[in-house]
């Protein structure tokens, strides 16, 4: 008697020249382990692109921009394979740096870090960047901050929209997350903005930091400029997106604050008395494990206990380095670019403190 558990045999992948990435991913559905999980993530993302009146959230954490993932994320935004971005502030900072021509370099995880310190070089595992050039980015962002309205409290979305417009005119490399988001009317939030070099720029503006006359370093000789980011406004605006969306899907590259910030939109909706079912599609690529109790590795099944993820959600969680998974997924999705262009995309119309979404 054949067991009910033995219905679907694994099918070894056939190696053929010229096979498309999407077809490889589809074949991986019949394999096992994280290869199968990555293929499932691809299929869920495709389903999202075919869904009508769906808002797709993207959460980004980790240093994936220094590691070379910037253009892949910018591509997803430009082609509206995602509709809202929630990021760490550091991720956006490094995107700004590269748009201004600051390069990250391939290095080694086993280099002498004391020697790097002596040469003014910072390390992200095996990626290197020049410290003094990053400080110039701090100054550029500071100059932008000093041009903002002094009596207005910005959400990080409003701040990044204006910054994207500002950078579009200055950038030497326009394949940028923040610039493409500005052009595509994709809101970008950084709910822990102070936990990044952008926070340095706000402090420098508050202290009136200016370049020294000899051009070597900075000193506090200017007039203090106080500009504010209202992070509670971020919470309100993201909940408005959730309230105004017919359906929603989430994609998490890593976990951390961006993941929780997106997850909590559905929970707060429940607290506010809105009968919303939770996010109806969910994908996560992470290297964190669930058994240590942290949010970055927790399963979507756990999130269902909170009402953050729908009971009927289509879900895929792949335990893999984002720098491996994202290029494969993005190349597979590129073959469905026309579908992404045709999907009814949410158009965010912010008037005063109230949001209206039209699907176009």
Protein backbone atom coordinates (compact mmCIF):
# COMPACT_ATOMS: atom_id res chain seq x y z
CA UNK A 1 0.00 0.00 0.00
CA UNK A 2 1.37 3.40 -1.00
CA UNK A 3 1.71 5.88 1.85
CA UNK A 4 -0.19 9.17 1.65
CA UNK A 5 3.14 10.85 2.43
CA UNK A 6 4.83 9.54 -0.70
CA UNK A 7 3.02 11.34 -3.49
CA UNK A 8 5.56 13.80 -4.88
CA UNK A 9 9.03 12.50 -5.69
CA UNK A 10 11.96 14.87 -6.00
CA UNK A 11 12.98 15.47 -9.60
CA UNK A 12 16.69 16.05 -10.28
CA UNK A 13 17.34 19.22 -12.24
CA UNK A 14 18.43 18.76 -15.83
CA UNK A 15 21.33 20.97 -16.91
CA UNK A 16 20.72 22.63 -20.28
CA UNK A 17 22.52 25.53 -21.90
CA UNK A 18 20.43 28.66 -22.34
CA UNK A 19 17.84 27.75 -19.72
CA UNK A 20 16.11 30.83 -18.29
CA UNK A 21 16.44 31.70 -14.62
CA UNK A 22 12.67 31.47 -14.13
CA UNK A 23 12.60 27.96 -15.57
CA UNK A 24 15.44 26.92 -13.24
CA UNK A 25 13.47 28.28 -10.28
CA UNK A 26 10.35 26.45 -11.43
CA UNK A 27 12.31 23.18 -11.63
CA UNK A 28 13.69 23.81 -8.15
CA UNK A 29 10.13 23.43 -6.83
CA UNK A 30 10.62 19.67 -7.27
CA UNK A 31 13.84 19.60 -5.24
CA UNK A 32 14.40 19.95 -1.49
CA UNK A 33 15.84 22.09 1.28
CA UNK A 34 16.41 25.81 0.72
CA UNK A 35 16.54 25.45 -3.07
CA UNK A 36 12.88 24.44 -2.95
CA UNK A 37 12.14 27.26 -0.49
CA UNK A 38 13.72 29.82 -2.84
CA UNK A 39 11.58 28.50 -5.69
CA UNK A 40 8.49 28.80 -3.49
CA UNK A 41 9.41 32.43 -2.74
CA UNK A 42 9.63 33.07 -6.48
CA UNK A 43 6.21 31.54 -7.09
CA UNK A 44 4.59 33.59 -4.29
CA UNK A 45 6.15 36.79 -5.67
CA UNK A 46 4.79 35.96 -9.14
CA UNK A 47 1.34 35.45 -7.63
CA UNK A 48 1.57 38.88 -6.01
CA UNK A 49 2.34 40.48 -9.38
CA UNK A 50 -0.76 38.83 -10.85
CA UNK A 51 -2.99 39.95 -7.98
CA UNK A 52 -5.37 42.87 -8.43
CA UNK A 53 -5.32 45.83 -6.02
CA UNK A 54 -2.49 44.51 -3.90
CA UNK A 55 0.07 46.65 -2.05
CA UNK A 56 3.50 44.97 -1.88
CA UNK A 57 5.76 45.94 1.02
CA UNK A 58 9.53 45.44 0.93
CA UNK A 59 11.57 45.37 4.14
CA UNK A 60 15.37 45.65 3.85
CA UNK A 61 17.98 45.16 6.57
CA UNK A 62 21.66 44.23 6.67
CA UNK A 63 24.48 45.75 4.64
CA UNK A 64 23.27 44.51 1.27
CA UNK A 65 23.95 47.81 -0.56
CA UNK A 66 27.71 47.74 0.22
CA UNK A 67 27.64 44.08 -0.88
CA UNK A 68 26.40 45.02 -4.37
CA UNK A 69 22.60 44.61 -4.17
CA UNK A 70 21.70 48.27 -4.77
CA UNK A 71 20.82 48.03 -8.45
CA UNK A 72 18.74 44.89 -7.90
CA UNK A 73 16.58 46.70 -5.32
CA UNK A 74 16.39 49.82 -7.51
CA UNK A 75 15.22 47.62 -10.40
CA UNK A 76 12.40 46.14 -8.29
CA UNK A 77 11.25 49.65 -7.33
CA UNK A 78 11.53 51.11 -10.83
CA UNK A 79 9.46 48.29 -12.32
CA UNK A 80 6.94 48.35 -9.44
CA UNK A 81 7.54 44.81 -8.30
CA UNK A 82 7.27 46.42 -4.86
CA UNK A 83 5.16 49.41 -3.77
CA UNK A 84 6.40 50.48 -0.33
CA UNK A 85 9.92 50.21 1.12
CA UNK A 86 10.84 50.07 4.81
CA UNK A 87 14.58 50.13 5.34
CA UNK A 88 17.27 50.68 7.88
CA UNK A 89 18.72 54.19 7.70
CA UNK A 90 22.17 52.73 7.03
CA UNK A 91 20.94 51.00 3.88
CA UNK A 92 19.70 54.30 2.47
CA UNK A 93 22.90 56.08 3.52
CA UNK A 94 25.06 53.67 1.52
CA UNK A 95 22.72 54.00 -1.45
CA UNK A 96 23.15 57.78 -1.28
CA UNK A 97 26.92 57.36 -1.01
CA UNK A 98 27.06 55.23 -4.17
CA UNK A 99 24.78 57.64 -6.02
CA UNK A 100 27.35 60.35 -5.23
CA UNK A 101 30.18 58.22 -6.60
CA UNK A 102 31.51 56.69 -3.37
CA UNK A 103 32.61 53.13 -4.10
CA UNK A 104 32.64 50.02 -1.93
CA UNK A 105 35.53 47.64 -2.58
CA UNK A 106 35.96 43.88 -2.49
CA UNK A 107 38.31 42.90 0.30
CA UNK A 108 38.80 40.03 2.73
CA UNK A 109 37.25 39.01 6.03
CA UNK A 110 40.74 38.08 7.23
CA UNK A 111 42.52 41.38 6.66
CA UNK A 112 44.38 43.15 9.49
CA UNK A 113 41.67 45.45 10.91
CA UNK A 114 44.20 47.51 12.85
CA UNK A 115 45.95 48.26 9.56
CA UNK A 116 42.58 49.24 8.06
CA UNK A 117 41.99 51.63 10.96
CA UNK A 118 45.39 53.23 10.37
CA UNK A 119 44.47 53.81 6.72
CA UNK A 120 40.96 55.09 7.47
CA UNK A 121 39.16 52.13 5.90
CA UNK A 122 35.95 50.59 7.28
CA UNK A 123 35.05 46.91 6.82
CA UNK A 124 31.74 45.09 6.35
CA UNK A 125 32.89 41.45 6.47
CA UNK A 126 34.75 41.30 3.10
CA UNK A 127 33.66 44.70 1.74
CA UNK A 128 35.66 47.88 2.32
CA UNK A 129 34.93 51.61 2.13
CA UNK A 130 36.97 54.75 2.74
CA UNK A 131 35.91 56.48 5.96
CA UNK A 132 36.66 60.10 5.00
CA UNK A 133 34.53 59.80 1.85
CA UNK A 134 31.59 58.64 3.95
CA UNK A 135 32.02 61.76 6.09
CA UNK A 136 31.65 63.84 2.91
CA UNK A 137 28.31 62.13 2.37
CA UNK A 138 27.36 63.12 5.93
CA UNK A 139 28.11 66.74 5.01
CA UNK A 140 26.12 66.56 1.78
CA UNK A 141 23.08 65.22 3.63
CA UNK A 142 23.60 67.87 6.32
CA UNK A 143 23.47 70.61 3.67
CA UNK A 144 20.20 69.14 2.41
CA UNK A 145 18.78 69.01 5.94
CA UNK A 146 19.61 72.69 6.45
CA UNK A 147 17.40 73.57 3.45
CA UNK A 148 14.30 71.92 4.97
CA UNK A 149 11.45 73.88 6.53
CA UNK A 150 12.39 74.63 10.16
CA UNK A 151 8.87 74.56 11.57
CA UNK A 152 7.67 71.35 9.92
CA UNK A 153 8.02 67.84 11.32
CA UNK A 154 8.71 65.41 8.49
CA UNK A 155 8.00 61.72 8.37
CA UNK A 156 10.94 59.73 7.03
CA UNK A 157 8.81 59.16 3.89
CA UNK A 158 8.55 62.89 3.28
CA UNK A 159 12.24 63.35 4.05
CA UNK A 160 13.33 60.65 1.57
CA UNK A 161 10.99 61.86 -1.16
CA UNK A 162 12.58 65.32 -1.01
CA UNK A 163 16.06 63.82 -0.70
CA UNK A 164 15.45 61.64 -3.76
CA UNK A 165 14.50 64.70 -5.77
CA UNK A 166 17.59 66.54 -4.48
CA UNK A 167 19.88 63.62 -5.37
CA UNK A 168 18.43 63.15 -8.85
CA UNK A 169 20.09 66.43 -9.83
CA UNK A 170 23.41 65.69 -8.09
CA UNK A 171 23.89 61.95 -8.56
CA UNK A 172 26.66 60.54 -10.73
CA UNK A 173 25.04 57.09 -10.53
CA UNK A 174 21.26 57.36 -10.79
CA UNK A 175 20.53 53.61 -10.44
CA UNK A 176 19.63 54.39 -6.88
CA UNK A 177 17.03 53.04 -4.47
CA UNK A 178 16.11 56.48 -3.18
CA UNK A 179 16.06 58.14 -6.62
CA UNK A 180 14.01 55.39 -8.27
CA UNK A 181 11.58 55.47 -5.33
CA UNK A 182 11.13 59.22 -5.75
CA UNK A 183 10.53 58.85 -9.50
CA UNK A 184 8.11 55.93 -9.10
CA UNK A 185 6.17 57.49 -6.17
CA UNK A 186 7.18 54.57 -3.94
CA UNK A 187 7.17 55.60 -0.26
CA UNK A 188 10.39 54.84 1.63
CA UNK A 189 10.39 54.70 5.42
CA UNK A 190 13.29 54.32 7.86
CA UNK A 191 11.68 53.95 11.29
CA UNK A 192 15.07 53.93 13.07
CA UNK A 193 16.63 56.76 11.06
CA UNK A 194 18.71 58.01 13.99
CA UNK A 195 20.46 54.63 14.07
CA UNK A 196 22.50 55.46 10.96
CA UNK A 197 24.93 57.99 9.52
CA UNK A 198 21.92 60.07 8.49
CA UNK A 199 21.46 60.62 12.22
CA UNK A 200 25.00 62.04 12.27
CA UNK A 201 23.96 64.58 9.64
CA UNK A 202 21.05 65.77 11.78
CA UNK A 203 23.40 66.19 14.76
CA UNK A 204 25.92 68.08 12.62
CA UNK A 205 23.15 70.42 11.48
CA UNK A 206 22.04 70.95 15.09
CA UNK A 207 25.58 71.84 16.13
CA UNK A 208 26.30 74.08 13.14
CA UNK A 209 29.25 72.01 11.93
CA UNK A 210 31.19 73.53 9.03
CA UNK A 211 34.31 72.65 7.03
CA UNK A 212 37.56 73.95 8.50
CA UNK A 213 39.26 76.67 6.50
CA UNK A 214 42.17 74.36 5.66
CA UNK A 215 39.71 71.82 4.26
CA UNK A 216 40.82 69.17 6.73
CA UNK A 217 37.93 68.10 8.91
CA UNK A 218 35.01 69.99 10.44
CA UNK A 219 34.38 72.33 13.34
CA UNK A 220 31.35 73.84 15.11
CA UNK A 221 31.52 77.42 13.87
CA UNK A 222 28.23 77.76 12.01
CA UNK A 223 24.69 78.47 13.13
CA UNK A 224 22.75 75.58 14.61
CA UNK A 225 19.90 74.31 12.41
CA UNK A 226 17.12 72.28 13.99
CA UNK A 227 15.10 70.03 11.69
CA UNK A 228 12.92 67.18 12.88
CA UNK A 229 11.84 63.71 11.80
CA UNK A 230 8.66 62.56 13.53
CA UNK A 231 8.99 58.78 13.80
CA UNK A 232 5.48 58.47 15.27
CA UNK A 233 4.28 60.04 12.02
CA UNK A 234 5.96 57.10 10.27
CA UNK A 235 3.82 54.72 12.32
CA UNK A 236 0.66 56.68 11.46
CA UNK A 237 1.48 56.85 7.74
CA UNK A 238 2.30 53.15 7.42
CA UNK A 239 -0.94 52.24 9.19
CA UNK A 240 -2.79 54.54 6.77
CA UNK A 241 -1.26 52.55 3.92
CA UNK A 242 -2.49 49.34 5.50
CA UNK A 243 -5.95 50.80 6.16
CA UNK A 244 -6.28 52.08 2.59
CA UNK A 245 -4.99 48.94 0.86
CA UNK A 246 -7.42 46.33 -0.40
CA UNK A 247 -4.88 43.56 0.13
CA UNK A 248 -1.21 43.41 1.05
CA UNK A 249 1.85 41.25 0.60
CA UNK A 250 5.22 41.46 2.31
CA UNK A 251 8.77 40.66 1.22
CA UNK A 252 11.53 40.71 3.82
CA UNK A 253 15.19 40.80 2.87
CA UNK A 254 16.57 40.07 6.32
CA UNK A 255 14.52 40.99 9.36
CA UNK A 256 15.10 43.49 12.15
CA UNK A 257 13.24 46.77 12.55
CA UNK A 258 11.93 46.90 8.94
CA UNK A 259 10.24 43.52 9.33
CA UNK A 260 8.57 44.37 12.62
CA UNK A 261 7.54 47.81 11.39
CA UNK A 262 5.69 46.28 8.44
CA UNK A 263 4.25 43.44 10.51
CA UNK A 264 2.82 45.81 13.11
CA UNK A 265 0.70 47.69 10.56
CA UNK A 266 -1.76 44.80 10.55
CA UNK A 267 -1.67 44.40 14.32
CA UNK A 268 -2.37 48.10 14.89
CA UNK A 269 -5.23 47.88 12.40
CA UNK A 270 -6.77 45.16 14.56
CA UNK A 271 -6.26 47.29 17.68
CA UNK A 272 -7.97 50.21 15.92
CA UNK A 273 -10.97 47.99 15.24
CA UNK A 274 -10.45 47.41 11.53
CA UNK A 275 -11.43 43.89 10.52
CA UNK A 276 -8.38 43.23 8.36
CA UNK A 277 -7.15 39.68 7.78
CA UNK A 278 -3.42 40.29 8.04
CA UNK A 279 -0.92 40.32 5.15
CA UNK A 280 -2.13 37.85 2.54
CA UNK A 281 1.20 37.07 0.90
CA UNK A 282 4.53 36.74 2.70
CA UNK A 283 8.13 36.05 1.67
CA UNK A 284 11.26 36.19 3.79
CA UNK A 285 14.92 35.61 2.94
CA UNK A 286 16.92 35.38 6.17
CA UNK A 287 19.95 33.74 7.74
CA UNK A 288 18.44 33.91 11.25
CA UNK A 289 16.89 30.90 12.93
CA UNK A 290 13.51 30.80 14.68
CA UNK A 291 14.56 28.76 17.72
CA UNK A 292 16.40 31.66 19.41
CA UNK A 293 13.15 33.63 19.70
CA UNK A 294 14.18 36.69 17.69
CA UNK A 295 11.90 38.38 15.19
CA UNK A 296 14.39 38.21 12.31
CA UNK A 297 14.14 34.44 12.17
CA UNK A 298 10.59 33.87 13.40
CA UNK A 299 8.26 31.99 11.11
CA UNK A 300 5.18 33.41 9.45
CA UNK A 301 3.17 30.77 11.32
CA UNK A 302 4.24 32.51 14.55
CA UNK A 303 3.14 35.84 13.07
CA UNK A 304 -0.30 34.34 12.39
CA UNK A 305 -0.79 33.97 16.14
CA UNK A 306 -0.63 37.77 16.38
CA UNK A 307 -2.91 38.43 13.41
CA UNK A 308 -0.05 39.97 11.44
CA UNK A 309 -0.22 37.33 8.70
CA UNK A 310 -3.52 36.05 7.33
CA UNK A 311 -4.62 32.52 8.23
CA UNK A 312 -4.94 31.83 4.49
CA UNK A 313 -1.71 33.60 3.49
CA UNK A 314 0.49 32.24 0.74
CA UNK A 315 3.91 32.11 2.38
CA UNK A 316 7.52 31.18 1.66
CA UNK A 317 10.49 31.49 4.00
CA UNK A 318 13.97 30.77 2.66
CA UNK A 319 16.97 30.54 4.99
CA UNK A 320 19.65 31.96 2.72
CA UNK A 321 22.05 34.89 2.37
CA UNK A 322 20.20 37.74 0.63
CA UNK A 323 23.23 38.34 -1.63
CA UNK A 324 22.68 34.83 -3.04
CA UNK A 325 18.90 34.77 -3.20
CA UNK A 326 18.09 38.29 -4.41
CA UNK A 327 20.02 38.23 -7.73
CA UNK A 328 18.41 34.90 -8.61
CA UNK A 329 14.91 36.07 -7.71
CA UNK A 330 15.32 39.43 -9.46
CA UNK A 331 16.56 37.80 -12.66
CA UNK A 332 13.67 35.35 -12.57
CA UNK A 333 11.19 38.17 -12.03
CA UNK A 334 12.74 40.21 -14.86
CA UNK A 335 11.19 37.71 -17.25
CA UNK A 336 7.79 38.84 -15.93
CA UNK A 337 8.50 42.55 -16.21
CA UNK A 338 5.53 43.10 -18.55
CA UNK A 339 3.18 41.60 -15.96
CA UNK A 340 4.57 43.96 -13.32
CA UNK A 341 4.01 46.93 -15.65
CA UNK A 342 0.39 45.91 -16.32
CA UNK A 343 -0.60 45.20 -12.72
CA UNK A 344 -2.91 47.77 -11.09
CA UNK A 345 -0.36 49.54 -8.89
CA UNK A 346 -1.24 51.61 -5.82
CA UNK A 347 -0.79 55.31 -6.41
CA UNK A 348 -0.27 57.08 -3.08
CA UNK A 349 -1.88 60.49 -2.84
CA UNK A 350 -0.83 62.24 0.38
CA UNK A 351 -2.93 65.29 1.13
CA UNK A 352 -2.38 66.78 4.54
CA UNK A 353 -2.46 63.98 7.07
CA UNK A 354 -4.78 61.71 5.08
CA UNK A 355 -3.84 59.15 2.44
CA UNK A 356 -5.86 58.06 -0.55
CA UNK A 357 -4.80 55.10 -2.71
CA UNK A 358 -5.88 54.68 -6.30
CA UNK A 359 -4.87 51.57 -8.22
CA UNK A 360 -3.66 52.46 -11.69
